[in-house]
Amino acid sequence: MKATPTRGRTTSHDVPDPPFAWTFTTPLYVGSSLNPINSSIIATALVPMAADLHVSVGSTAVLVSSLYLASAVAQPTAGKLAEVLGPRRIFLYGIVLVLLGGLVGGFGQNLATLTVARVLIGIGTSAAFPCAMVLIRRRAQEAGADAPPGGVLGGIAMAGMATVAVGPPIGGLLVGSAGWRWAFLINIPVTAIAMVMAVRGLPRDPVPDNEHNGFRKVAAQIDLLGILGFAVSMSALVIFLMGLPDIGWVALAVLVLTGVPTVVWELRKTAPFFDFRGLAANGALARTYLRQALTLLGVYSVMYGMTQWMEAAHGMSTVEAGLLLLPMGAVSALLSRPLASRNLVRGPLIVSAVTMLLGSAGVMLLTSHSPAVAIVLVSLVFGVTSAATTVGNQTALYLAAPPDQIGTASGLFRTFGYLGTITSAVIGSIVFRHGASDHGLHSLGLVLVAAGLAVLLLTVLDRHLMYRSTSRRPDTSDHLGNSDNPTEEHSA
């Protein structure tokens, strides 16, 4: 069914022809790049920032952890708000928060102010991905698409990966020439561009029903108590994980005291924020979350762990170590879109698991005497892993999530990814607790082999991953995640 083009601004019920024109997709790509660009550029600014503010370099780590923590909590929250209040509205609110964070950080005079800025940026950038998934899913359904829009999903993935790849070099040039404040101020021109494109290119949200009016009714719609319980519990979990191997008893106590009541509350709600019953019944979606967390644990363990090892054991400079890992991000970005355009799920995920195992074995073979080309080859293998897992899991998420919950599901998908990233930092601190030596690197490789085996089993034993673009329409595929009966699946 082809929609009739309309004059003037489009609405959520008027689908332009073609449905995924550049005016619609470009603001989604720009918005999706905001989180990774703020995650990567800050790394180049920590040392000059510490010197200018007269604090230790170690204390500036809070600027990294605060963004991860805010993002882990805010991603599913933004998704739920997008489902209830409208994705365009939440997308624009997110951009405004990023702009505010850039201003606060750019003119901040102490570490506390900069931390507030990073939290604002973390919350604001978290709106982009879940809102984009809601908008894409609705547009595909309105256009009568017979398959997931692989090219658009691949563009979302490529926007994030390309930003991660070029973020450190751009950050180095920007901070080196204009000062560390531009690690924050860069958000001003980027958000201005994103705002203009979003206002002009994204369809207006439907007018909310009368039942959504009023704070109490909206709070009930989004399950505000569930969101608050999730936020406190997730914050405690992240703080606990980041403190390992030392046990943070306060964080653990907060996790238990808030987590248990939150689970009880969510189980009693008819429309909960975190649908435990639905996730337990939706095996395909739960396995997608686990694969994403475990694979990103491996990718970021290599990204962070090998950087430390190259500098400490191999005697490389920070610039040299960063340049050796640059091809990893470049390969991820280059492979993501062509892989996504074919709408394959099982194949890319198998490639992801196998390359993760191969790369982990390569990590175990590296020594402080290994040539630079060997390090680059290992990182390139993990670049393939990163692209394949992002594309495969993102398409699996699109198919497995119930259409009316795609925003919350997309946010939780990112939250599980952050948990994998944070856990990778914990593992790195444990294996390198006596220094970034060859022995520590090989121990890291063993952990990654175990994680790779788990990802491989989660993939090859999952008969729900037999999907190709001709199998079914996306708006009729929600049963994929609502039953574990393999007879419902269409084989490739």
Protein backbone atom coordinates (compact mmCIF):
# COMPACT_ATOMS: atom_id res chain seq x y z
CA MET A 1 0.00 0.00 0.00
CA LYS A 2 1.49 3.31 -1.05
CA ALA A 3 0.67 6.40 0.94
CA THR A 4 -0.49 9.53 -0.86
CA PRO A 5 2.03 12.35 -0.61
CA THR A 6 0.79 15.38 1.27
CA ARG A 7 1.72 19.02 1.09
CA GLY A 8 3.38 20.82 3.94
CA ARG A 9 4.44 19.14 7.17
CA THR A 10 3.77 15.43 7.43
CA THR A 11 1.97 13.88 10.37
CA SER A 12 2.37 10.47 11.94
CA HIS A 13 -0.53 9.29 9.74
CA ASP A 14 0.85 10.73 6.47
CA VAL A 15 3.76 8.72 5.12
CA PRO A 16 5.77 10.49 2.45
CA ASP A 17 6.94 8.70 -0.66
CA PRO A 18 9.53 7.21 -0.20
CA PRO A 19 8.85 6.47 3.50
CA PHE A 20 12.52 6.56 4.55
CA ALA A 21 13.67 9.70 2.78
CA TRP A 22 16.90 11.36 3.86
CA THR A 23 14.95 14.13 5.59
CA PHE A 24 13.52 11.49 7.92
CA THR A 25 16.62 9.36 8.49
CA THR A 26 19.36 12.03 8.75
CA PRO A 27 18.22 13.54 12.09
CA LEU A 28 17.98 10.00 13.49
CA TYR A 29 21.57 9.31 12.41
CA VAL A 30 22.84 12.57 13.87
CA GLY A 31 20.97 11.97 17.12
CA SER A 32 22.34 8.44 17.39
CA SER A 33 25.90 9.77 17.06
CA LEU A 34 25.59 12.12 20.06
CA ASN A 35 26.11 9.46 22.74
CA PRO A 36 29.19 7.78 21.22
CA ILE A 37 30.79 11.12 20.32
CA ASN A 38 30.46 12.28 23.92
CA SER A 39 31.76 8.92 25.15
CA SER A 40 34.88 8.97 23.00
CA ILE A 41 35.96 12.63 22.81
CA ILE A 42 36.09 13.05 26.60
CA ALA A 43 38.95 10.55 26.82
CA THR A 44 41.30 13.04 25.14
CA ALA A 45 40.32 15.87 27.50
CA LEU A 46 40.82 14.25 30.92
CA VAL A 47 44.51 15.04 31.37
CA PRO A 48 44.40 18.76 30.40
CA MET A 49 41.13 19.12 32.30
CA ALA A 50 42.70 17.73 35.49
CA ALA A 51 45.65 20.10 35.15
CA ASP A 52 43.44 23.15 34.60
CA LEU A 53 41.08 22.33 37.49
CA HIS A 54 43.95 21.29 39.79
CA VAL A 55 42.57 17.81 40.47
CA SER A 56 44.08 14.36 39.97
CA VAL A 57 43.62 12.58 36.65
CA GLY A 58 42.08 9.65 38.50
CA SER A 59 39.32 11.84 39.92
CA THR A 60 38.19 12.80 36.41
CA ALA A 61 37.10 9.19 35.83
CA VAL A 62 33.77 10.25 37.36
CA LEU A 63 33.08 12.13 34.12
CA VAL A 64 33.23 8.85 32.21
CA SER A 65 31.28 6.75 34.71
CA SER A 66 28.56 9.37 35.23
CA LEU A 67 27.64 9.38 31.55
CA TYR A 68 27.52 5.57 31.42
CA LEU A 69 25.39 5.45 34.56
CA ALA A 70 22.99 8.15 33.36
CA SER A 71 22.69 6.46 29.96
CA ALA A 72 22.07 3.00 31.42
CA VAL A 73 19.14 4.37 33.44
CA ALA A 74 17.78 6.86 30.90
CA GLN A 75 17.68 4.68 27.76
CA PRO A 76 14.63 2.53 28.65
CA THR A 77 13.02 5.49 30.43
CA ALA A 78 13.23 7.56 27.25
CA GLY A 79 11.82 4.62 25.31
CA LYS A 80 8.81 4.35 27.61
CA LEU A 81 8.20 8.11 27.42
CA ALA A 82 8.41 7.92 23.62
CA GLU A 83 5.75 5.22 23.54
CA VAL A 84 3.38 7.22 25.75
CA LEU A 85 4.11 10.88 24.96
CA GLY A 86 5.45 10.61 21.42
CA PRO A 87 8.93 9.86 19.98
CA ARG A 88 9.41 13.21 18.22
CA ARG A 89 8.65 15.14 21.39
CA ILE A 90 11.07 13.08 23.53
CA PHE A 91 13.73 13.18 20.79
CA LEU A 92 13.62 16.99 20.79
CA TYR A 93 13.65 17.17 24.60
CA GLY A 94 16.75 14.98 24.55
CA ILE A 95 18.53 17.31 22.14
CA VAL A 96 17.74 20.28 24.39
CA LEU A 97 19.26 18.46 27.39
CA VAL A 98 22.43 17.72 25.40
CA LEU A 99 22.66 21.39 24.42
CA LEU A 100 22.22 22.39 28.06
CA GLY A 101 24.89 19.90 29.14
CA GLY A 102 27.28 21.29 26.55
CA LEU A 103 26.79 24.82 27.87
CA VAL A 104 27.11 23.80 31.53
CA GLY A 105 30.26 21.82 30.84
CA GLY A 106 31.77 24.36 28.49
CA PHE A 107 31.57 27.09 31.10
CA GLY A 108 31.95 24.91 34.23
CA GLN A 109 34.62 25.89 36.74
CA ASN A 110 34.89 22.74 38.86
CA LEU A 111 34.60 18.96 38.66
CA ALA A 112 31.16 18.89 40.28
CA THR A 113 29.70 21.18 37.61
CA LEU A 114 31.29 19.12 34.85
CA THR A 115 29.80 15.97 36.36
CA VAL A 116 26.34 17.56 36.27
CA ALA A 117 26.97 18.42 32.63
CA ARG A 118 27.90 14.84 31.82
CA VAL A 119 24.75 13.55 33.51
CA LEU A 120 22.63 15.97 31.46
CA ILE A 121 24.41 14.84 28.30
CA GLY A 122 23.97 11.18 29.24
CA ILE A 123 20.23 11.60 29.80
CA GLY A 124 19.77 13.72 26.68
CA THR A 125 21.69 11.47 24.31
CA SER A 126 19.79 8.44 25.62
CA ALA A 127 16.61 9.62 23.91
CA ALA A 128 17.95 9.23 20.37
CA PHE A 129 18.13 5.46 19.87
CA PRO A 130 14.83 4.34 21.46
CA CYS A 131 12.96 7.25 19.85
CA ALA A 132 14.53 6.39 16.49
CA MET A 133 13.40 2.77 16.82
CA VAL A 134 9.83 3.84 17.64
CA LEU A 135 9.77 6.22 14.66
CA ILE A 136 11.27 3.65 12.29
CA ARG A 137 8.89 0.91 13.40
CA ARG A 138 5.83 3.15 13.01
CA ARG A 139 6.97 4.42 9.62
CA ALA A 140 7.57 0.86 8.37
CA GLN A 141 4.11 -0.23 9.49
CA GLU A 142 2.44 2.82 7.95
CA ALA A 143 4.26 2.17 4.67
CA GLY A 144 3.22 -1.50 4.68
CA ALA A 145 6.84 -2.63 4.58
CA ASP A 146 7.30 -6.39 4.21
CA ALA A 147 10.62 -6.51 6.07
CA PRO A 148 12.70 -4.59 8.60
CA PRO A 149 14.22 -1.49 6.96
CA GLY A 150 17.72 -2.93 7.00
CA GLY A 151 19.36 0.06 5.34
CA VAL A 152 17.95 2.43 7.93
CA LEU A 153 18.85 0.16 10.85
CA GLY A 154 22.32 -0.19 9.37
CA GLY A 155 22.60 3.58 9.13
CA ILE A 156 21.78 3.90 12.83
CA ALA A 157 24.48 1.33 13.64
CA MET A 158 27.02 2.93 11.32
CA ALA A 159 26.43 6.39 12.79
CA GLY A 160 27.39 5.14 16.24
CA MET A 161 30.34 3.02 15.12
CA ALA A 162 31.82 5.66 12.84
CA THR A 163 31.64 8.20 15.64
CA VAL A 164 33.43 5.84 18.03
CA ALA A 165 36.12 5.28 15.40
CA VAL A 166 36.81 8.92 14.59
CA GLY A 167 35.95 10.35 18.02
CA PRO A 168 39.40 10.02 19.65
CA PRO A 169 41.37 11.48 16.70
CA ILE A 170 38.89 14.35 16.31
CA GLY A 171 38.86 14.85 20.06
CA GLY A 172 42.64 14.97 20.13
CA LEU A 173 42.76 17.64 17.42
CA LEU A 174 39.90 19.63 18.94
CA VAL A 175 41.19 19.58 22.50
CA GLY A 176 44.77 20.14 21.37
CA SER A 177 43.93 23.20 19.30
CA ALA A 178 41.00 24.78 21.17
CA GLY A 179 41.21 23.42 24.73
CA TRP A 180 39.39 20.79 26.79
CA ARG A 181 36.19 22.85 27.09
CA TRP A 182 35.43 22.02 23.47
CA ALA A 183 34.85 18.42 24.53
CA PHE A 184 31.59 19.92 25.86
CA LEU A 185 31.07 22.90 23.55
CA ILE A 186 31.15 20.68 20.45
CA ASN A 187 27.62 19.68 21.41
CA ILE A 188 26.30 23.19 20.66
CA PRO A 189 26.71 23.19 16.84
CA VAL A 190 25.89 19.47 16.59
CA THR A 191 22.66 19.78 18.57
CA ALA A 192 21.67 22.91 16.65
CA ILE A 193 21.97 20.96 13.39
CA ALA A 194 20.10 17.99 14.85
CA MET A 195 17.33 20.24 16.17
CA VAL A 196 16.71 21.95 12.82
CA MET A 197 16.67 18.65 10.94
CA ALA A 198 14.42 16.94 13.51
CA VAL A 199 11.88 19.77 13.52
CA ARG A 200 11.71 19.76 9.74
CA GLY A 201 12.07 16.05 9.01
CA LEU A 202 10.41 14.04 11.77
CA PRO A 203 6.63 13.53 11.70
CA ARG A 204 4.58 15.20 14.40
CA ASP A 205 3.36 12.97 17.20
CA PRO A 206 -0.33 12.12 17.30
CA VAL A 207 -2.40 14.32 19.60
CA PRO A 208 -2.46 12.55 22.99
CA ASP A 209 -5.76 11.07 24.10
CA ASN A 210 -7.60 12.75 26.94
CA GLU A 211 -6.58 9.89 29.22
CA HIS A 212 -2.96 11.04 28.96
CA ASN A 213 -3.69 14.54 30.27
CA GLY A 214 -2.61 15.41 33.80
CA PHE A 215 0.49 14.45 35.71
CA ARG A 216 -1.12 11.60 37.64
CA LYS A 217 -2.50 9.96 34.52
CA VAL A 218 0.78 10.31 32.66
CA ALA A 219 2.66 8.96 35.69
CA ALA A 220 0.35 5.95 35.71
CA GLN A 221 0.80 5.47 31.97
CA ILE A 222 4.59 5.41 32.17
CA ASP A 223 4.70 3.61 35.56
CA LEU A 224 6.64 6.39 37.29
CA LEU A 225 7.24 4.38 40.47
CA GLY A 226 8.62 1.53 38.40
CA ILE A 227 10.96 3.93 36.60
CA LEU A 228 12.22 5.40 39.89
CA GLY A 229 12.76 1.95 41.38
CA PHE A 230 14.60 0.84 38.25
CA ALA A 231 16.75 3.99 38.28
CA VAL A 232 17.85 3.58 41.90
CA SER A 233 18.42 -0.18 41.53
CA MET A 234 20.37 0.21 38.29
CA SER A 235 22.48 3.01 39.76
CA ALA A 236 23.33 0.84 42.76
CA LEU A 237 24.18 -2.11 40.50
CA VAL A 238 26.47 -0.02 38.29
CA ILE A 239 28.24 1.54 41.30
CA PHE A 240 28.67 -1.93 42.82
CA LEU A 241 30.13 -3.32 39.58
CA MET A 242 32.48 -0.38 39.13
CA GLY A 243 33.83 -0.87 42.66
CA LEU A 244 34.85 -4.49 42.13
CA PRO A 245 36.95 -6.37 43.12
CA ASP A 246 36.32 -4.43 46.37
CA ILE A 247 32.84 -5.08 47.72
CA GLY A 248 30.72 -1.94 47.99
CA TRP A 249 28.41 -2.95 50.79
CA VAL A 250 26.40 0.26 50.72
CA ALA A 251 25.69 -0.09 47.00
CA LEU A 252 24.84 -3.77 47.48
CA ALA A 253 22.43 -2.94 50.31
CA VAL A 254 20.73 -0.23 48.24
CA LEU A 255 20.45 -2.67 45.32
CA VAL A 256 18.69 -5.28 47.47
CA LEU A 257 16.49 -2.83 49.39
CA THR A 258 15.24 -1.13 46.22
CA GLY A 259 15.49 -3.98 43.73
CA VAL A 260 13.27 -6.46 45.56
CA PRO A 261 10.34 -4.04 46.10
CA THR A 262 10.68 -2.86 42.50
CA VAL A 263 10.41 -6.41 41.17
CA VAL A 264 7.36 -7.06 43.37
CA TRP A 265 5.75 -3.81 42.19
CA GLU A 266 6.41 -4.54 38.52
CA LEU A 267 5.02 -8.08 38.79
CA ARG A 268 1.76 -6.67 40.14
CA LYS A 269 1.36 -3.96 37.49
CA THR A 270 -0.80 -4.68 34.47
CA ALA A 271 1.36 -2.37 32.29
CA PRO A 272 4.77 -2.27 34.01
CA PHE A 273 7.80 -0.25 32.97
CA PHE A 274 10.02 -3.35 33.20
CA ASP A 275 7.84 -6.27 32.14
CA PHE A 276 9.51 -9.21 33.94
CA ARG A 277 6.74 -11.62 32.97
CA GLY A 278 6.84 -10.54 29.36
CA LEU A 279 10.62 -10.82 29.19
CA ALA A 280 10.51 -14.30 30.77
CA ALA A 281 8.00 -15.37 28.11
CA ASN A 282 9.89 -13.58 25.33
CA GLY A 283 12.92 -15.85 25.06
CA ALA A 284 14.10 -14.34 21.77
CA LEU A 285 14.29 -10.85 23.28
CA ALA A 286 15.99 -12.02 26.49
CA ARG A 287 18.65 -13.88 24.51
CA THR A 288 19.20 -10.80 22.34
CA TYR A 289 19.93 -8.75 25.46
CA LEU A 290 22.38 -11.37 26.78
CA ARG A 291 24.21 -11.70 23.46
CA GLN A 292 24.60 -7.94 23.24
CA ALA A 293 25.95 -7.65 26.79
CA LEU A 294 28.43 -10.53 26.43
CA THR A 295 29.70 -9.46 23.02
CA LEU A 296 30.22 -5.83 24.02
CA LEU A 297 32.01 -7.12 27.12
CA GLY A 298 34.48 -8.71 24.72
CA VAL A 299 34.78 -5.78 22.33
CA TYR A 300 35.34 -3.18 25.05
CA SER A 301 37.67 -5.46 27.02
CA VAL A 302 39.91 -5.46 23.96
CA MET A 303 39.48 -1.75 23.33
CA TYR A 304 40.35 -0.74 26.89
CA GLY A 305 42.46 -3.70 28.02
CA MET A 306 44.74 -3.84 25.00
CA THR A 307 45.26 -0.09 25.15
CA GLN A 308 46.54 -0.38 28.73
CA TRP A 309 48.68 -3.38 27.83
CA MET A 310 50.20 -1.71 24.74
CA GLU A 311 51.22 1.30 26.79
CA ALA A 312 52.49 -0.57 29.87
CA ALA A 313 53.93 -3.82 28.48
CA HIS A 314 54.68 -2.87 24.89
CA GLY A 315 56.02 0.59 25.69
CA MET A 316 53.83 2.44 23.22
CA SER A 317 52.63 6.00 23.60
CA THR A 318 48.96 6.86 23.99
CA VAL A 319 48.86 8.15 20.41
CA GLU A 320 50.46 4.98 19.03
CA ALA A 321 48.08 2.73 20.95
CA GLY A 322 45.08 4.72 19.76
CA LEU A 323 46.20 4.60 16.13
CA LEU A 324 46.66 0.82 16.25
CA LEU A 325 43.06 0.37 17.40
CA LEU A 326 41.64 2.90 14.93
CA PRO A 327 41.19 0.25 12.15
CA MET A 328 38.97 -1.71 14.53
CA GLY A 329 36.39 1.07 14.62
CA ALA A 330 36.76 1.75 10.92
CA VAL A 331 36.03 -1.88 9.99
CA SER A 332 32.99 -1.88 12.27
CA ALA A 333 31.58 1.22 10.61
CA LEU A 334 32.27 0.04 7.05
CA LEU A 335 30.71 -3.40 7.51
CA SER A 336 27.60 -2.41 9.45
CA ARG A 337 25.45 -0.95 6.68
CA PRO A 338 26.02 -3.61 3.97
CA LEU A 339 25.38 -6.32 6.54
CA ALA A 340 22.19 -4.67 7.78
CA SER A 341 20.81 -4.04 4.30
CA ARG A 342 20.37 -7.80 3.77
CA ASN A 343 18.17 -8.18 6.86
CA LEU A 344 20.08 -11.22 8.07
CA VAL A 345 20.09 -12.15 11.73
CA ARG A 346 21.47 -15.62 12.39
CA GLY A 347 24.38 -15.38 9.94
CA PRO A 348 25.87 -12.15 11.32
CA LEU A 349 25.42 -13.38 14.89
CA ILE A 350 27.28 -16.62 14.14
CA VAL A 351 30.03 -14.58 12.49
CA SER A 352 30.11 -12.38 15.58
CA ALA A 353 30.51 -15.34 17.95
CA VAL A 354 33.13 -17.11 15.82
CA THR A 355 35.23 -13.98 15.29
CA MET A 356 35.01 -13.22 19.00
CA LEU A 357 36.44 -16.67 19.74
CA LEU A 358 39.16 -16.24 17.11
CA GLY A 359 40.05 -12.78 18.37
CA SER A 360 40.12 -14.01 21.99
CA ALA A 361 42.49 -16.79 20.99
CA GLY A 362 44.63 -14.17 19.26
CA VAL A 363 44.71 -12.10 22.47
CA MET A 364 46.10 -15.13 24.31
CA LEU A 365 48.91 -15.45 21.76
CA LEU A 366 50.08 -11.84 21.94
CA THR A 367 53.18 -10.94 23.95
CA SER A 368 55.13 -7.77 24.61
CA HIS A 369 57.41 -8.84 21.72
CA SER A 370 54.60 -9.26 19.18
CA PRO A 371 54.86 -6.98 16.14
CA ALA A 372 52.39 -4.15 15.69
CA VAL A 373 50.81 -5.90 12.70
CA ALA A 374 49.75 -8.80 14.94
CA ILE A 375 47.98 -6.39 17.30
CA VAL A 376 46.22 -4.71 14.38
CA LEU A 377 45.06 -8.08 13.03
CA VAL A 378 43.56 -9.06 16.39
CA SER A 379 41.79 -5.71 16.64
CA LEU A 380 40.46 -6.07 13.09
CA VAL A 381 38.90 -9.42 14.01
CA PHE A 382 37.09 -7.72 16.87
CA GLY A 383 36.03 -4.97 14.47
CA VAL A 384 34.15 -7.63 12.50
CA THR A 385 32.69 -8.88 15.80
CA SER A 386 31.45 -5.41 16.69
CA ALA A 387 29.76 -4.81 13.33
CA ALA A 388 28.17 -8.26 13.10
CA THR A 389 26.79 -8.26 16.64
CA THR A 390 25.37 -4.74 16.41
CA VAL A 391 23.64 -5.43 13.10
CA GLY A 392 22.40 -8.92 13.97
CA ASN A 393 21.17 -8.09 17.46
CA GLN A 394 19.60 -4.81 16.35
CA THR A 395 17.53 -6.61 13.70
CA ALA A 396 16.69 -9.39 16.17
CA LEU A 397 15.51 -6.71 18.60
CA TYR A 398 13.32 -5.12 15.91
CA LEU A 399 11.66 -8.49 15.24
CA ALA A 400 11.40 -9.79 18.80
CA ALA A 401 10.10 -6.71 20.61
CA PRO A 402 6.31 -6.23 20.67
CA PRO A 403 5.55 -3.28 18.36
CA ASP A 404 3.92 -1.21 21.11
CA GLN A 405 6.95 -1.73 23.39
CA ILE A 406 9.77 -1.17 20.88
CA GLY A 407 10.89 2.03 22.66
CA THR A 408 11.33 0.47 26.10
CA ALA A 409 12.82 -2.69 24.58
CA SER A 410 15.34 -0.63 22.57
CA GLY A 411 16.34 1.28 25.70
CA LEU A 412 16.86 -1.95 27.65
CA PHE A 413 18.91 -3.26 24.73
CA ARG A 414 21.29 -0.33 25.19
CA THR A 415 21.23 -0.74 28.98
CA PHE A 416 22.41 -4.34 28.71
CA GLY A 417 25.13 -3.12 26.36
CA TYR A 418 26.27 -0.59 28.97
CA LEU A 419 26.35 -3.33 31.60
CA GLY A 420 28.63 -5.35 29.33
CA THR A 421 30.86 -2.30 28.82
CA ILE A 422 31.04 -1.58 32.55
CA THR A 423 31.76 -5.24 33.33
CA SER A 424 34.61 -5.17 30.82
CA ALA A 425 36.21 -2.34 32.81
CA VAL A 426 35.78 -4.37 36.01
CA ILE A 427 37.41 -7.44 34.45
CA GLY A 428 40.27 -5.31 33.15
CA SER A 429 40.92 -3.87 36.62
CA ILE A 430 41.00 -7.40 38.08
CA VAL A 431 43.33 -9.05 35.54
CA PHE A 432 45.64 -6.01 35.51
CA ARG A 433 45.59 -5.41 39.27
CA HIS A 434 49.35 -6.15 39.42
CA GLY A 435 50.11 -4.23 36.24
CA ALA A 436 49.21 -4.54 32.55
CA SER A 437 51.46 -7.55 31.85
CA ASP A 438 51.40 -10.38 29.32
CA HIS A 439 50.02 -12.68 32.02
CA GLY A 440 47.14 -10.29 32.68
CA LEU A 441 46.41 -10.01 28.96
CA HIS A 442 46.31 -13.80 28.60
CA SER A 443 43.97 -14.04 31.60
CA LEU A 444 41.74 -11.51 29.87
CA GLY A 445 41.84 -13.70 26.76
CA LEU A 446 40.61 -16.71 28.76
CA VAL A 447 37.66 -14.71 30.07
CA LEU A 448 36.83 -13.59 26.55
CA VAL A 449 36.98 -17.17 25.25
CA ALA A 450 34.40 -18.17 27.86
CA ALA A 451 32.20 -15.21 26.91
CA GLY A 452 32.58 -16.06 23.22
CA LEU A 453 31.51 -19.65 23.82
CA ALA A 454 28.43 -18.41 25.67
CA VAL A 455 27.55 -16.10 22.77
CA LEU A 456 28.03 -18.94 20.28
CA LEU A 457 25.70 -21.23 22.25
CA LEU A 458 23.10 -18.47 22.61
CA THR A 459 23.18 -18.15 18.82
CA VAL A 460 23.43 -21.66 17.33
CA LEU A 461 20.92 -23.16 19.77
CA ASP A 462 18.37 -20.38 19.18
CA ARG A 463 15.96 -21.54 16.48
CA HIS A 464 14.22 -18.19 16.52
CA LEU A 465 17.02 -16.66 14.50
CA MET A 466 16.03 -18.23 11.20
CA TYR A 467 14.84 -15.02 9.55
CA ARG A 468 15.31 -13.53 6.14
CA SER A 469 13.83 -10.44 4.64
CA THR A 470 11.17 -12.40 2.74
CA SER A 471 9.88 -14.31 5.75
CA ARG A 472 7.16 -12.01 7.01
CA ARG A 473 6.03 -8.47 7.50
CA PRO A 474 7.39 -6.73 10.58
CA ASP A 475 3.94 -5.82 11.84
CA THR A 476 2.96 -9.49 11.98
CA SER A 477 6.17 -10.82 13.47
CA ASP A 478 5.63 -9.91 17.08
CA HIS A 479 4.89 -13.55 17.86
CA LEU A 480 8.57 -14.20 17.26
CA GLY A 481 9.35 -13.00 20.75
CA ASN A 482 6.18 -14.05 22.51
CA SER A 483 6.60 -17.77 22.28
CA ASP A 484 9.47 -20.19 22.42
CA ASN A 485 7.73 -22.67 20.16
CA PRO A 486 10.09 -23.17 17.22
CA THR A 487 7.30 -24.42 15.01
CA GLU A 488 6.17 -20.83 14.69
CA GLU A 489 9.41 -19.85 12.97
CA HIS A 490 9.98 -19.59 9.24
CA SER A 491 13.31 -21.07 8.32
CA ALA A 492 15.73 -19.28 6.06
